[in-house]
PDB file of N, CA and C in Angstrom:
ATOM      1  N   UNK A   1       0.844  -1.184   0.000  1.00  0.00           N
ATOM      2  CA  UNK A   1       0.000   0.000   0.000  1.00  0.00           C
ATOM      3  C   UNK A   1       0.890   1.248   0.000  1.00  0.00           C
ATOM      4  N   UNK A   2       0.704   2.105  -0.961  1.00  0.00           N
ATOM      5  CA  UNK A   2       1.491   3.341  -1.042  1.00  0.00           C
ATOM      6  C   UNK A   2       1.093   4.286   0.099  1.00  0.00           C
ATOM      7  N   UNK A   3       2.095   4.810   0.790  1.00  0.00           N
ATOM      8  CA  UNK A   3       1.809   5.755   1.870  1.00  0.00           C
ATOM      9  C   UNK A   3       2.324   7.155   1.577  1.00  0.00           C
ATOM     10  N   UNK A   4       3.189   7.286   0.565  1.00  0.00           N
ATOM     11  CA  UNK A   4       3.667   8.625   0.270  1.00  0.00           C
ATOM     12  C   UNK A   4       4.815   8.645  -0.709  1.00  0.00           C
ATOM     13  N   UNK A   5       5.385   9.846  -0.830  1.00  0.00           N
ATOM     14  CA  UNK A   5       6.471  10.078  -1.779  1.00  0.00           C
ATOM     15  C   UNK A   5       7.488  11.007  -1.132  1.00  0.00           C
ATOM     16  N   UNK A   6       8.758  10.728  -1.391  1.00  0.00           N
ATOM     17  CA  UNK A   6       9.846  11.573  -0.889  1.00  0.00           C
ATOM     18  C   UNK A   6       9.847  12.891  -1.670  1.00  0.00           C
ATOM     19  N   UNK A   7       9.803  14.008  -0.942  1.00  0.00           N
ATOM     20  CA  UNK A   7       9.842  15.316  -1.590  1.00  0.00           C
ATOM     21  C   UNK A   7      11.206  15.991  -1.422  1.00  0.00           C
ATOM     22  N   UNK A   8      11.991  15.516  -0.450  1.00  0.00           N
ATOM     23  CA  UNK A   8      13.325  16.079  -0.219  1.00  0.00           C
ATOM     24  C   UNK A   8      14.123  15.079   0.598  1.00  0.00           C
ATOM     25  N   UNK A   9      15.448  15.150   0.478  1.00  0.00           N
ATOM     26  CA  UNK A   9      16.320  14.293   1.285  1.00  0.00           C
ATOM     27  C   UNK A   9      17.476  15.124   1.817  1.00  0.00           C
ATOM     28  N   UNK A  10      17.660  15.070   3.138  1.00  0.00           N
ATOM     29  CA  UNK A  10      18.771  15.771   3.787  1.00  0.00           C
ATOM     30  C   UNK A  10      19.925  14.796   3.931  1.00  0.00           C
ATOM     31  N   UNK A  11      20.880  14.899   3.019  1.00  0.00           N
ATOM     32  CA  UNK A  11      22.020  14.000   2.971  1.00  0.00           C
ATOM     33  C   UNK A  11      22.814  14.004   4.275  1.00  0.00           C
ATOM     34  N   UNK A  12      23.047  15.190   4.821  1.00  0.00           N
ATOM     35  CA  UNK A  12      23.861  15.314   6.037  1.00  0.00           C
ATOM     36  C   UNK A  12      23.190  14.692   7.263  1.00  0.00           C
ATOM     37  N   UNK A  13      21.852  14.588   7.260  1.00  0.00           N
ATOM     38  CA  UNK A  13      21.116  14.015   8.386  1.00  0.00           C
ATOM     39  C   UNK A  13      20.643  12.589   8.117  1.00  0.00           C
ATOM     40  N   UNK A  14      20.582  12.209   6.847  1.00  0.00           N
ATOM     41  CA  UNK A  14      20.030  10.896   6.493  1.00  0.00           C
ATOM     42  C   UNK A  14      18.532  10.854   6.716  1.00  0.00           C
ATOM     43  N   UNK A  15      17.867  11.987   6.444  1.00  0.00           N
ATOM     44  CA  UNK A  15      16.430  12.109   6.696  1.00  0.00           C
ATOM     45  C   UNK A  15      15.691  12.445   5.404  1.00  0.00           C
ATOM     46  N   UNK A  16      14.640  11.675   5.146  1.00  0.00           N
ATOM     47  CA  UNK A  16      13.779  11.924   3.990  1.00  0.00           C
ATOM     48  C   UNK A  16      12.554  12.699   4.447  1.00  0.00           C
ATOM     49  N   UNK A  17      12.137  13.665   3.647  1.00  0.00           N
ATOM     50  CA  UNK A  17      10.885  14.377   3.882  1.00  0.00           C
ATOM     51  C   UNK A  17       9.843  13.684   3.001  1.00  0.00           C
ATOM     52  N   UNK A  18       8.792  13.187   3.645  1.00  0.00           N
ATOM     53  CA  UNK A  18       7.792  12.384   2.942  1.00  0.00           C
ATOM     54  C   UNK A  18       6.422  13.035   3.065  1.00  0.00           C
ATOM     55  N   UNK A  19       5.776  13.245   1.922  1.00  0.00           N
ATOM     56  CA  UNK A  19       4.401  13.745   1.887  1.00  0.00           C
ATOM     57  C   UNK A  19       3.495  12.520   1.918  1.00  0.00           C
ATOM     58  N   UNK A  20       2.683  12.423   2.975  1.00  0.00           N
ATOM     59  CA  UNK A  20       1.876  11.215   3.187  1.00  0.00           C
ATOM     60  C   UNK A  20       0.549  11.223   2.441  1.00  0.00           C
ATOM     61  N   UNK A  21       0.199  10.042   1.908  1.00  0.00           N
ATOM     62  CA  UNK A  21      -1.106   9.818   1.283  1.00  0.00           C
ATOM     63  C   UNK A  21      -1.948   8.891   2.144  1.00  0.00           C
ATOM     64  N   UNK A  22      -1.339   8.337   3.187  1.00  0.00           N
ATOM     65  CA  UNK A  22      -2.012   7.419   4.106  1.00  0.00           C
ATOM     66  C   UNK A  22      -1.334   7.539   5.467  1.00  0.00           C
ATOM     67  N   UNK A  23      -1.968   6.987   6.490  1.00  0.00           N
ATOM     68  CA  UNK A  23      -1.434   7.060   7.850  1.00  0.00           C
ATOM     69  C   UNK A  23      -0.162   6.219   7.978  1.00  0.00           C
ATOM     70  N   UNK A  24       0.802   6.772   8.701  1.00  0.00           N
ATOM     71  CA  UNK A  24       2.059   6.081   8.976  1.00  0.00           C
ATOM     72  C   UNK A  24       2.354   6.244  10.453  1.00  0.00           C
ATOM     73  N   UNK A  25       2.834   5.165  11.091  1.00  0.00           N
ATOM     74  CA  UNK A  25       3.143   5.273  12.518  1.00  0.00           C
ATOM     75  C   UNK A  25       4.457   4.578  12.840  1.00  0.00           C
ATOM     76  N   UNK A  26       5.030   4.950  13.969  1.00  0.00           N
ATOM     77  CA  UNK A  26       6.263   4.336  14.446  1.00  0.00           C
ATOM     78  C   UNK A  26       5.987   2.844  14.626  1.00  0.00           C
ATOM     79  N   UNK A  27       6.901   2.021  14.138  1.00  0.00           N
ATOM     80  CA  UNK A  27       6.728   0.564  14.208  1.00  0.00           C
ATOM     81  C   UNK A  27       6.296  -0.045  12.883  1.00  0.00           C
ATOM     82  N   UNK A  28       5.751   0.773  11.977  1.00  0.00           N
ATOM     83  CA  UNK A  28       5.376   0.270  10.653  1.00  0.00           C
ATOM     84  C   UNK A  28       6.642  -0.116   9.885  1.00  0.00           C
ATOM     85  N   UNK A  29       6.491  -1.068   8.962  1.00  0.00           N
ATOM     86  CA  UNK A  29       7.588  -1.420   8.068  1.00  0.00           C
ATOM     87  C   UNK A  29       7.275  -0.803   6.716  1.00  0.00           C
ATOM     88  N   UNK A  30       8.269  -0.108   6.150  1.00  0.00           N
ATOM     89  CA  UNK A  30       8.060   0.563   4.868  1.00  0.00           C
ATOM     90  C   UNK A  30       9.108   0.111   3.854  1.00  0.00           C
ATOM     91  N   UNK A  31       8.759   0.289   2.584  1.00  0.00           N
ATOM     92  CA  UNK A  31       9.672  -0.005   1.484  1.00  0.00           C
ATOM     93  C   UNK A  31       9.840   1.253   0.654  1.00  0.00           C
ATOM     94  N   UNK A  32      11.094   1.579   0.351  1.00  0.00           N
ATOM     95  CA  UNK A  32      11.410   2.701  -0.535  1.00  0.00           C
ATOM     96  C   UNK A  32      11.687   2.112  -1.916  1.00  0.00           C
ATOM     97  N   UNK A  33      11.029   2.667  -2.927  1.00  0.00           N
ATOM     98  CA  UNK A  33      11.114   2.097  -4.261  1.00  0.00           C
ATOM     99  C   UNK A  33      11.199   3.178  -5.325  1.00  0.00           C
ATOM    100  N   UNK A  34      12.117   2.991  -6.270  1.00  0.00           N
ATOM    101  CA  UNK A  34      12.236   3.920  -7.389  1.00  0.00           C
ATOM    102  C   UNK A  34      13.398   4.867  -7.239  1.00  0.00           C
ATOM    103  N   UNK A  35      13.820   5.440  -8.356  1.00  0.00           N
ATOM    104  CA  UNK A  35      14.927   6.404  -8.400  1.00  0.00           C
ATOM    105  C   UNK A  35      16.193   5.829  -7.765  1.00  0.00           C
ATOM    106  N   UNK A  36      16.429   4.522  -8.006  1.00  0.00           N
ATOM    107  CA  UNK A  36      17.643   3.884  -7.504  1.00  0.00           C
ATOM    108  C   UNK A  36      17.514   3.270  -6.125  1.00  0.00           C
ATOM    109  N   UNK A  37      16.393   3.512  -5.455  1.00  0.00           N
ATOM    110  CA  UNK A  37      16.195   2.953  -4.109  1.00  0.00           C
ATOM    111  C   UNK A  37      15.335   1.695  -4.194  1.00  0.00           C
ATOM    112  N   UNK A  38      15.678   0.705  -3.394  1.00  0.00           N
ATOM    113  CA  UNK A  38      14.870  -0.506  -3.279  1.00  0.00           C
ATOM    114  C   UNK A  38      15.265  -1.212  -1.994  1.00  0.00           C
ATOM    115  N   UNK A  39      14.691  -0.771  -0.873  1.00  0.00           N
ATOM    116  CA  UNK A  39      15.005  -1.382   0.417  1.00  0.00           C
ATOM    117  C   UNK A  39      13.831  -1.218   1.368  1.00  0.00           C
ATOM    118  N   UNK A  40      13.829  -2.067   2.401  1.00  0.00           N
ATOM    119  CA  UNK A  40      12.792  -2.010   3.434  1.00  0.00           C
ATOM    120  C   UNK A  40      13.438  -1.632   4.755  1.00  0.00           C
ATOM    121  N   UNK A  41      12.647  -0.983   5.603  1.00  0.00           N
ATOM    122  CA  UNK A  41      13.116  -0.661   6.948  1.00  0.00           C
ATOM    123  C   UNK A  41      11.916  -0.420   7.859  1.00  0.00           C
ATOM    124  N   UNK A  42      12.172  -0.487   9.160  1.00  0.00           N
ATOM    125  CA  UNK A  42      11.143  -0.139  10.139  1.00  0.00           C
ATOM    126  C   UNK A  42      11.169   1.362  10.376  1.00  0.00           C
ATOM    127  N   UNK A  43      10.005   1.914  10.677  1.00  0.00           N
ATOM    128  CA  UNK A  43       9.908   3.333  11.026  1.00  0.00           C
ATOM    129  C   UNK A  43      10.243   3.441  12.518  1.00  0.00           C
ATOM    130  N   UNK A  44      11.426   3.959  12.811  1.00  0.00           N
ATOM    131  CA  UNK A  44      11.869   4.079  14.203  1.00  0.00           C
ATOM    132  C   UNK A  44      11.470   5.407  14.818  1.00  0.00           C
ATOM    133  N   UNK A  45      11.340   6.436  13.980  1.00  0.00           N
ATOM    134  CA  UNK A  45      10.912   7.736  14.499  1.00  0.00           C
ATOM    135  C   UNK A  45      10.300   8.547  13.373  1.00  0.00           C
ATOM    136  N   UNK A  46       9.359   9.388  13.742  1.00  0.00           N
ATOM    137  CA  UNK A  46       8.690  10.300  12.811  1.00  0.00           C
ATOM    138  C   UNK A  46       8.722  11.682  13.425  1.00  0.00           C
ATOM    139  N   UNK A  47       8.914  12.689  12.587  1.00  0.00           N
ATOM    140  CA  UNK A  47       8.864  14.064  13.083  1.00  0.00           C
ATOM    141  C   UNK A  47       8.000  14.909  12.164  1.00  0.00           C
ATOM    142  N   UNK A  48       7.252  15.802  12.784  1.00  0.00           N
ATOM    143  CA  UNK A  48       6.510  16.824  12.055  1.00  0.00           C
ATOM    144  C   UNK A  48       6.996  18.157  12.600  1.00  0.00           C
ATOM    145  N   UNK A  49       7.555  18.976  11.721  1.00  0.00           N
ATOM    146  CA  UNK A  49       8.119  20.272  12.107  1.00  0.00           C
ATOM    147  C   UNK A  49       9.055  20.150  13.318  1.00  0.00           C
ATOM    148  N   UNK A  50       9.975  19.205  13.246  1.00  0.00           N
ATOM    149  CA  UNK A  50      11.008  18.969  14.262  1.00  0.00           C
ATOM    150  C   UNK A  50      10.472  18.483  15.602  1.00  0.00           C
ATOM    151  N   UNK A  51       9.222  18.044  15.650  1.00  0.00           N
ATOM    152  CA  UNK A  51       8.642  17.487  16.884  1.00  0.00           C
ATOM    153  C   UNK A  51       8.359  16.009  16.670  1.00  0.00           C
ATOM    154  N   UNK A  52       8.801  15.206  17.636  1.00  0.00           N
ATOM    155  CA  UNK A  52       8.610  13.756  17.575  1.00  0.00           C
ATOM    156  C   UNK A  52       7.116  13.418  17.663  1.00  0.00           C
ATOM    157  N   UNK A  53       6.636  12.546  16.774  1.00  0.00           N
ATOM    158  CA  UNK A  53       5.249  12.078  16.823  1.00  0.00           C
ATOM    159  C   UNK A  53       5.240  10.564  16.679  1.00  0.00           C
ATOM    160  N   UNK A  54       4.177   9.931  17.175  1.00  0.00           N
ATOM    161  CA  UNK A  54       4.035   8.477  17.072  1.00  0.00           C
ATOM    162  C   UNK A  54       3.301   8.077  15.798  1.00  0.00           C
ATOM    163  N   UNK A  55       2.498   9.013  15.269  1.00  0.00           N
ATOM    164  CA  UNK A  55       1.634   8.690  14.141  1.00  0.00           C
ATOM    165  C   UNK A  55       1.359   9.964  13.344  1.00  0.00           C
ATOM    166  N   UNK A  56       1.240   9.814  12.031  1.00  0.00           N
ATOM    167  CA  UNK A  56       0.913  10.951  11.169  1.00  0.00           C
ATOM    168  C   UNK A  56      -0.088  10.485  10.120  1.00  0.00           C
ATOM    169  N   UNK A  57      -1.034  11.344   9.791  1.00  0.00           N
ATOM    170  CA  UNK A  57      -2.101  10.964   8.874  1.00  0.00           C
ATOM    171  C   UNK A  57      -1.873  11.520   7.470  1.00  0.00           C
ATOM    172  N   UNK A  58      -2.703  11.085   6.542  1.00  0.00           N
ATOM    173  CA  UNK A  58      -2.623  11.523   5.150  1.00  0.00           C
ATOM    174  C   UNK A  58      -2.653  13.046   5.079  1.00  0.00           C
ATOM    175  N   UNK A  59      -1.843  13.599   4.180  1.00  0.00           N
ATOM    176  CA  UNK A  59      -1.787  15.049   4.015  1.00  0.00           C
ATOM    177  C   UNK A  59      -0.673  15.703   4.813  1.00  0.00           C
ATOM    178  N   UNK A  60      -0.135  14.995   5.792  1.00  0.00           N
ATOM    179  CA  UNK A  60       0.960  15.536   6.610  1.00  0.00           C
ATOM    180  C   UNK A  60       2.292  15.346   5.893  1.00  0.00           C
ATOM    181  N   UNK A  61       3.257  16.167   6.256  1.00  0.00           N
ATOM    182  CA  UNK A  61       4.614  16.047   5.741  1.00  0.00           C
ATOM    183  C   UNK A  61       5.503  15.691   6.927  1.00  0.00           C
ATOM    184  N   UNK A  62       6.198  14.555   6.828  1.00  0.00           N
ATOM    185  CA  UNK A  62       6.988  14.057   7.954  1.00  0.00           C
ATOM    186  C   UNK A  62       8.458  13.920   7.584  1.00  0.00           C
ATOM    187  N   UNK A  63       9.288  13.974   8.608  1.00  0.00           N
ATOM    188  CA  UNK A  63      10.703  13.656   8.475  1.00  0.00           C
ATOM    189  C   UNK A  63      10.893  12.225   8.942  1.00  0.00           C
ATOM    190  N   UNK A  64      11.625  11.449   8.159  1.00  0.00           N
ATOM    191  CA  UNK A  64      11.797  10.022   8.447  1.00  0.00           C
ATOM    192  C   UNK A  64      13.256   9.646   8.206  1.00  0.00           C
ATOM    193  N   UNK A  65      13.927   9.170   9.257  1.00  0.00           N
ATOM    194  CA  UNK A  65      15.324   8.742   9.136  1.00  0.00           C
ATOM    195  C   UNK A  65      15.362   7.504   8.253  1.00  0.00           C
ATOM    196  N   UNK A  66      16.267   7.491   7.270  1.00  0.00           N
ATOM    197  CA  UNK A  66      16.341   6.358   6.345  1.00  0.00           C
ATOM    198  C   UNK A  66      17.662   5.604   6.492  1.00  0.00           C
ATOM    199  N   UNK A  67      17.604   4.312   6.216  1.00  0.00           N
ATOM    200  CA  UNK A  67      18.776   3.447   6.319  1.00  0.00           C
ATOM    201  C   UNK A  67      19.744   3.678   5.157  1.00  0.00           C
ATOM    202  N   UNK A  68      19.202   4.150   4.028  1.00  0.00           N
ATOM    203  CA  UNK A  68      20.016   4.415   2.844  1.00  0.00           C
ATOM    204  C   UNK A  68      19.589   5.740   2.235  1.00  0.00           C
ATOM    205  N   UNK A  69      20.411   6.244   1.318  1.00  0.00           N
ATOM    206  CA  UNK A  69      20.060   7.483   0.622  1.00  0.00           C
ATOM    207  C   UNK A  69      18.850   7.254  -0.278  1.00  0.00           C
ATOM    208  N   UNK A  70      17.991   8.260  -0.365  1.00  0.00           N
ATOM    209  CA  UNK A  70      16.854   8.219  -1.289  1.00  0.00           C
ATOM    210  C   UNK A  70      16.816   9.540  -2.050  1.00  0.00           C
ATOM    211  N   UNK A  71      16.085   9.553  -3.153  1.00  0.00           N
ATOM    212  CA  UNK A  71      15.984  10.759  -3.965  1.00  0.00           C
ATOM    213  C   UNK A  71      14.544  11.239  -4.017  1.00  0.00           C
ATOM    214  N   UNK A  72      14.380  12.506  -4.387  1.00  0.00           N
ATOM    215  CA  UNK A  72      13.041  13.056  -4.593  1.00  0.00           C
ATOM    216  C   UNK A  72      12.274  12.187  -5.555  1.00  0.00           C
ATOM    217  N   UNK A  73      11.020  11.936  -5.260  1.00  0.00           N
ATOM    218  CA  UNK A  73      10.172  11.140  -6.134  1.00  0.00           C
ATOM    219  C   UNK A  73      10.129   9.664  -5.769  1.00  0.00           C
ATOM    220  N   UNK A  74      11.004   9.225  -4.855  1.00  0.00           N
ATOM    221  CA  UNK A  74      10.999   7.829  -4.417  1.00  0.00           C
ATOM    222  C   UNK A  74       9.672   7.527  -3.727  1.00  0.00           C
ATOM    223  N   UNK A  75       9.039   6.418  -4.117  1.00  0.00           N
ATOM    224  CA  UNK A  75       7.763   6.010  -3.535  1.00  0.00           C
ATOM    225  C   UNK A  75       8.008   5.313  -2.193  1.00  0.00           C
ATOM    226  N   UNK A  76       7.085   5.515  -1.255  1.00  0.00           N
ATOM    227  CA  UNK A  76       7.143   4.866   0.044  1.00  0.00           C
ATOM    228  C   UNK A  76       5.888   4.015   0.193  1.00  0.00           C
ATOM    229  N   UNK A  77       6.078   2.720   0.483  1.00  0.00           N
ATOM    230  CA  UNK A  77       4.965   1.788   0.647  1.00  0.00           C
ATOM    231  C   UNK A  77       5.034   1.127   2.002  1.00  0.00           C
ATOM    232  N   UNK A  78       3.865   0.800   2.564  1.00  0.00           N
ATOM    233  CA  UNK A  78       3.802  -0.021   3.768  1.00  0.00           C
ATOM    234  C   UNK A  78       3.886  -1.469   3.349  1.00  0.00           C
ATOM    235  N   UNK A  79       4.623  -2.279   4.108  1.00  0.00           N
ATOM    236  CA  UNK A  79       4.705  -3.717   3.794  1.00  0.00           C
ATOM    237  C   UNK A  79       4.224  -4.560   4.954  1.00  0.00           C
TER     238      UNK A  79
END
């Protein structure tokens, strides 16, 4: 199930900015796909405007620490 798309990536922090199309919460397993990325990871932390949150709903923009580099346009799916 698609949950969002990467709109920006902070290389120095290893954090992807993801615009959500569905609810995402800490503990979910996600897959990054496209633009050279193809890996799965658990969501260990989510931030909205630099504040830690446990859950974010569709329409929100979140910061998500990633295990590997991702690029703008990379799709994010729940697995």
